[in-house]
Protein backbone atom coordinates (compact mmCIF):
# COMPACT_ATOMS: atom_id res chain seq x y z
CA UNK A 1 54.14 2.30 49.22
CA UNK A 2 50.44 1.45 49.17
CA UNK A 3 48.20 1.73 46.09
CA UNK A 4 45.10 2.32 48.19
CA UNK A 5 43.75 5.62 49.49
CA UNK A 6 41.35 5.77 52.36
CA UNK A 7 38.32 7.99 51.67
CA UNK A 8 35.43 8.68 54.00
CA UNK A 9 31.92 7.65 52.99
CA UNK A 10 30.82 11.28 52.77
CA UNK A 11 33.66 12.24 50.45
CA UNK A 12 33.01 9.19 48.30
CA UNK A 13 29.33 10.15 48.01
CA UNK A 14 30.31 13.69 46.96
CA UNK A 15 32.73 12.35 44.33
CA UNK A 16 30.11 9.97 42.95
CA UNK A 17 27.54 12.77 42.79
CA UNK A 18 30.00 15.01 40.93
CA UNK A 19 30.85 12.17 38.57
CA UNK A 20 27.17 11.60 37.72
CA UNK A 21 26.70 15.35 37.15
CA UNK A 22 29.70 15.50 34.79
CA UNK A 23 28.50 12.46 32.85
CA UNK A 24 25.06 14.06 32.43
CA UNK A 25 26.64 17.29 31.15
CA UNK A 26 28.85 15.40 28.70
CA UNK A 27 25.82 13.51 27.40
CA UNK A 28 23.90 16.78 26.98
CA UNK A 29 26.77 18.34 25.05
CA UNK A 30 27.14 15.32 22.77
CA UNK A 31 23.40 15.34 22.11
CA UNK A 32 23.44 19.07 21.30
CA UNK A 33 26.34 18.52 18.92
CA UNK A 34 24.52 15.82 16.95
CA UNK A 35 21.25 17.77 16.85
CA UNK A 36 22.83 20.37 14.59
CA UNK A 37 24.50 17.86 12.29
CA UNK A 38 23.10 17.30 8.79
CA UNK A 39 23.60 14.12 6.76
CA UNK A 40 22.93 13.18 3.13
CA UNK A 41 20.56 10.46 1.90
CA UNK A 42 23.17 7.72 1.89
CA UNK A 43 24.20 8.40 5.49
CA UNK A 44 20.56 8.82 6.60
CA UNK A 45 19.64 5.46 5.08
CA UNK A 46 22.58 3.86 6.87
CA UNK A 47 21.50 5.35 10.21
CA UNK A 48 17.93 4.14 9.71
CA UNK A 49 19.10 0.78 8.30
CA UNK A 50 16.94 1.13 5.21
CA UNK A 51 17.61 1.51 1.50
CA UNK A 52 17.83 4.91 -0.16
CA UNK A 53 14.67 4.01 -2.10
CA UNK A 54 12.78 3.42 1.16
CA UNK A 55 14.15 6.72 2.40
CA UNK A 56 12.72 8.37 -0.73
CA UNK A 57 9.33 6.84 0.16
CA UNK A 58 9.66 8.24 3.68
CA UNK A 59 10.32 11.68 2.15
CA UNK A 60 7.34 11.35 -0.19
CA UNK A 61 5.07 10.34 2.71
CA UNK A 62 6.51 13.08 5.00
CA UNK A 63 7.65 10.61 7.66
CA UNK A 64 10.95 12.42 8.14
CA UNK A 65 11.67 16.15 7.78
CA UNK A 66 14.34 17.10 5.24
CA UNK A 67 15.67 19.97 3.23
CA UNK A 68 16.73 20.05 -0.39
CA UNK A 69 19.77 21.78 -1.78
CA UNK A 70 19.54 21.59 -5.57
CA UNK A 71 19.40 17.82 -6.17
CA UNK A 72 20.74 16.78 -2.75
CA UNK A 73 18.48 15.90 0.17
CA UNK A 74 19.72 16.62 3.69
CA UNK A 75 18.41 15.33 7.01
CA UNK A 76 19.03 16.48 10.57
CA UNK A 77 20.60 13.67 12.53
CA UNK A 78 18.39 14.57 15.51
CA UNK A 79 15.26 14.05 13.37
CA UNK A 80 16.49 10.60 12.36
CA UNK A 81 17.17 9.64 15.97
CA UNK A 82 13.75 10.96 16.97
CA UNK A 83 12.12 8.88 14.23
CA UNK A 84 13.94 5.76 15.41
CA UNK A 85 12.92 6.37 19.02
CA UNK A 86 9.32 6.88 17.93
CA UNK A 87 9.40 3.76 15.80
CA UNK A 88 10.63 1.55 18.65
CA UNK A 89 8.06 2.70 21.22
């Protein structure tokens, strides 16, 4: 029994195209999932690779959007990623 399957060039192209499409859709879904996720100051600082004190300065200077629930600050993960992308350009 052979482990190889013969596939025509056309069929291989179709499979590769479908594979790329599925990977794009998976990436979009993962991105949408993280956009709605909120993190606290400790996790936000870890994502940005800064101290929580520096994060407080970022809040004070309005570098990153946030919301406050009583004494806890929350950040959208998507906003943190956007800030990092902006910072590296």
